[in-house]
Amino acid sequence: MRTRLLALSILGVAVALAGCHHGTRPDGSSVDKKGVTDMASFESFIGTHPTAEEFKKMYPGVQLMLPGMISTMEMRYDNSRFFPQMDNGGHIVGGDFH
């Protein structure tokens, strides 16, 4: 019984640590998992009218709330949840953080 519990505990720790890595963007810069801190760079990126997939590759630490998605009402002050404005072609043309 104790051996099984120990094995499951070790497996749980291994799974938790498997997600801890330092990611990089396609341009080679490091990924900030907390949220957007460089607003000028972020605004410049949004100015390129990226798709949702391009946004998720560039900012994997930011939750992209696409139209129709349900979200909670908590306040986030770390720029980690972005509500985009989309054009008819599915490109992000603006938006704001909540």
C-alpha atoms as a PDB file:
ATOM      1  CA  MET A   1       0.000   0.000   0.000  1.00  0.00           C
ATOM      2  CA  ARG A   2       2.769   2.441   0.922  1.00  0.00           C
ATOM      3  CA  THR A   3       4.764   1.493  -2.160  1.00  0.00           C
ATOM      4  CA  ARG A   4       1.789   2.248  -4.394  1.00  0.00           C
ATOM      5  CA  LEU A   5       1.233   5.606  -2.674  1.00  0.00           C
ATOM      6  CA  LEU A   6       4.913   6.470  -3.030  1.00  0.00           C
ATOM      7  CA  ALA A   7       4.869   5.522  -6.713  1.00  0.00           C
ATOM      8  CA  LEU A   8       1.786   7.655  -7.362  1.00  0.00           C
ATOM      9  CA  SER A   9       3.351  10.575  -5.496  1.00  0.00           C
ATOM     10  CA  ILE A  10       6.525  10.356  -7.570  1.00  0.00           C
ATOM     11  CA  LEU A  11       4.457  10.127 -10.750  1.00  0.00           C
ATOM     12  CA  GLY A  12       2.493  13.222  -9.717  1.00  0.00           C
ATOM     13  CA  VAL A  13       5.649  15.220  -9.075  1.00  0.00           C
ATOM     14  CA  ALA A  14       7.129  14.091 -12.404  1.00  0.00           C
ATOM     15  CA  VAL A  15       4.008  15.176 -14.294  1.00  0.00           C
ATOM     16  CA  ALA A  16       3.968  18.537 -12.511  1.00  0.00           C
ATOM     17  CA  LEU A  17       7.628  19.187 -13.285  1.00  0.00           C
ATOM     18  CA  ALA A  18       7.268  18.125 -16.919  1.00  0.00           C
ATOM     19  CA  GLY A  19       5.440  21.376 -17.607  1.00  0.00           C
ATOM     20  CA  CYS A  20       8.208  23.496 -16.077  1.00  0.00           C
ATOM     21  CA  HIS A  21      10.443  24.515 -18.922  1.00  0.00           C
ATOM     22  CA  HIS A  22      11.671  27.687 -20.488  1.00  0.00           C
ATOM     23  CA  GLY A  23       9.898  28.190 -23.803  1.00  0.00           C
ATOM     24  CA  THR A  24      10.951  30.422 -26.655  1.00  0.00           C
ATOM     25  CA  ARG A  25       9.011  32.270 -29.319  1.00  0.00           C
ATOM     26  CA  PRO A  26       9.528  31.663 -33.024  1.00  0.00           C
ATOM     27  CA  ASP A  27      11.906  34.659 -33.094  1.00  0.00           C
ATOM     28  CA  GLY A  28      14.052  33.093 -30.342  1.00  0.00           C
ATOM     29  CA  SER A  29      13.071  35.427 -27.486  1.00  0.00           C
ATOM     30  CA  SER A  30      12.052  33.885 -24.170  1.00  0.00           C
ATOM     31  CA  VAL A  31       8.433  33.362 -23.177  1.00  0.00           C
ATOM     32  CA  ASP A  32       7.048  35.205 -20.167  1.00  0.00           C
ATOM     33  CA  LYS A  33       4.523  32.846 -18.580  1.00  0.00           C
ATOM     34  CA  LYS A  34       2.950  35.498 -16.346  1.00  0.00           C
ATOM     35  CA  GLY A  35       1.497  38.008 -18.779  1.00  0.00           C
ATOM     36  CA  VAL A  36       2.390  40.935 -20.966  1.00  0.00           C
ATOM     37  CA  THR A  37       4.918  43.332 -19.450  1.00  0.00           C
ATOM     38  CA  ASP A  38       6.244  45.078 -22.565  1.00  0.00           C
ATOM     39  CA  MET A  39       3.134  46.865 -23.813  1.00  0.00           C
ATOM     40  CA  ALA A  40       4.892  48.606 -26.705  1.00  0.00           C
ATOM     41  CA  SER A  41       6.026  45.282 -28.137  1.00  0.00           C
ATOM     42  CA  PHE A  42       2.569  43.802 -27.569  1.00  0.00           C
ATOM     43  CA  GLU A  43       0.824  46.704 -29.335  1.00  0.00           C
ATOM     44  CA  SER A  44       3.269  46.378 -32.215  1.00  0.00           C
ATOM     45  CA  PHE A  45       2.459  42.674 -32.495  1.00  0.00           C
ATOM     46  CA  ILE A  46      -1.303  43.335 -32.441  1.00  0.00           C
ATOM     47  CA  GLY A  47      -0.727  45.905 -35.191  1.00  0.00           C
ATOM     48  CA  THR A  48       0.309  43.052 -37.508  1.00  0.00           C
ATOM     49  CA  HIS A  49      -3.269  41.663 -37.187  1.00  0.00           C
ATOM     50  CA  PRO A  50      -2.281  38.152 -36.092  1.00  0.00           C
ATOM     51  CA  THR A  51      -4.548  35.121 -36.112  1.00  0.00           C
ATOM     52  CA  ALA A  52      -5.480  33.389 -32.861  1.00  0.00           C
ATOM     53  CA  GLU A  53      -2.873  30.684 -33.551  1.00  0.00           C
ATOM     54  CA  GLU A  54      -0.120  33.246 -34.094  1.00  0.00           C
ATOM     55  CA  PHE A  55      -1.140  35.010 -30.870  1.00  0.00           C
ATOM     56  CA  LYS A  56      -0.981  31.768 -28.892  1.00  0.00           C
ATOM     57  CA  LYS A  57       2.503  30.993 -30.271  1.00  0.00           C
ATOM     58  CA  MET A  58       3.831  34.440 -29.435  1.00  0.00           C
ATOM     59  CA  TYR A  59       2.124  34.830 -26.040  1.00  0.00           C
ATOM     60  CA  PRO A  60       1.430  31.358 -24.600  1.00  0.00           C
ATOM     61  CA  GLY A  61       1.199  32.760 -21.067  1.00  0.00           C
ATOM     62  CA  VAL A  62      -1.762  34.987 -21.994  1.00  0.00           C
ATOM     63  CA  GLN A  63      -5.244  33.509 -22.064  1.00  0.00           C
ATOM     64  CA  LEU A  64      -6.900  34.546 -25.337  1.00  0.00           C
ATOM     65  CA  MET A  65     -10.638  34.945 -24.787  1.00  0.00           C
ATOM     66  CA  LEU A  66     -12.165  34.502 -28.220  1.00  0.00           C
ATOM     67  CA  PRO A  67     -15.745  35.622 -28.925  1.00  0.00           C
ATOM     68  CA  GLY A  68     -18.251  33.227 -27.383  1.00  0.00           C
ATOM     69  CA  MET A  69     -15.877  31.881 -24.722  1.00  0.00           C
ATOM     70  CA  ILE A  70     -17.063  31.936 -21.124  1.00  0.00           C
ATOM     71  CA  SER A  71     -14.800  33.522 -18.524  1.00  0.00           C
ATOM     72  CA  THR A  72     -14.848  34.140 -14.808  1.00  0.00           C
ATOM     73  CA  MET A  73     -15.305  37.576 -13.308  1.00  0.00           C
ATOM     74  CA  GLU A  74     -12.068  37.806 -11.300  1.00  0.00           C
ATOM     75  CA  MET A  75      -9.901  40.856 -11.774  1.00  0.00           C
ATOM     76  CA  ARG A  76      -6.451  40.276 -13.215  1.00  0.00           C
ATOM     77  CA  TYR A  77      -3.860  43.003 -12.977  1.00  0.00           C
ATOM     78  CA  ASP A  78      -1.026  41.092 -14.661  1.00  0.00           C
ATOM     79  CA  ASN A  79      -2.212  41.352 -18.301  1.00  0.00           C
ATOM     80  CA  SER A  80      -2.712  37.595 -18.514  1.00  0.00           C
ATOM     81  CA  ARG A  81      -6.164  37.507 -20.132  1.00  0.00           C
ATOM     82  CA  PHE A  82      -6.766  39.306 -23.435  1.00  0.00           C
ATOM     83  CA  PHE A  83     -10.180  39.937 -24.990  1.00  0.00           C
ATOM     84  CA  PRO A  84      -9.533  40.571 -28.705  1.00  0.00           C
ATOM     85  CA  GLN A  85     -11.520  42.452 -31.302  1.00  0.00           C
ATOM     86  CA  MET A  86     -11.641  40.312 -34.431  1.00  0.00           C
ATOM     87  CA  ASP A  87     -12.233  41.194 -38.072  1.00  0.00           C
ATOM     88  CA  ASN A  88     -14.321  39.054 -40.436  1.00  0.00           C
ATOM     89  CA  GLY A  89     -11.236  37.115 -41.532  1.00  0.00           C
ATOM     90  CA  GLY A  90     -10.458  35.942 -37.996  1.00  0.00           C
ATOM     91  CA  HIS A  91      -7.547  38.328 -37.394  1.00  0.00           C
ATOM     92  CA  ILE A  92      -7.041  40.251 -34.161  1.00  0.00           C
ATOM     93  CA  VAL A  93      -7.353  43.985 -34.810  1.00  0.00           C
ATOM     94  CA  GLY A  94      -7.472  45.257 -31.231  1.00  0.00           C
ATOM     95  CA  GLY A  95      -8.773  44.399 -27.800  1.00  0.00           C
ATOM     96  CA  ASP A  96      -8.064  44.880 -24.137  1.00  0.00           C
ATOM     97  CA  PHE A  97      -7.028  43.110 -20.956  1.00  0.00           C
ATOM     98  CA  HIS A  98      -9.503  42.324 -18.154  1.00  0.00           C
END
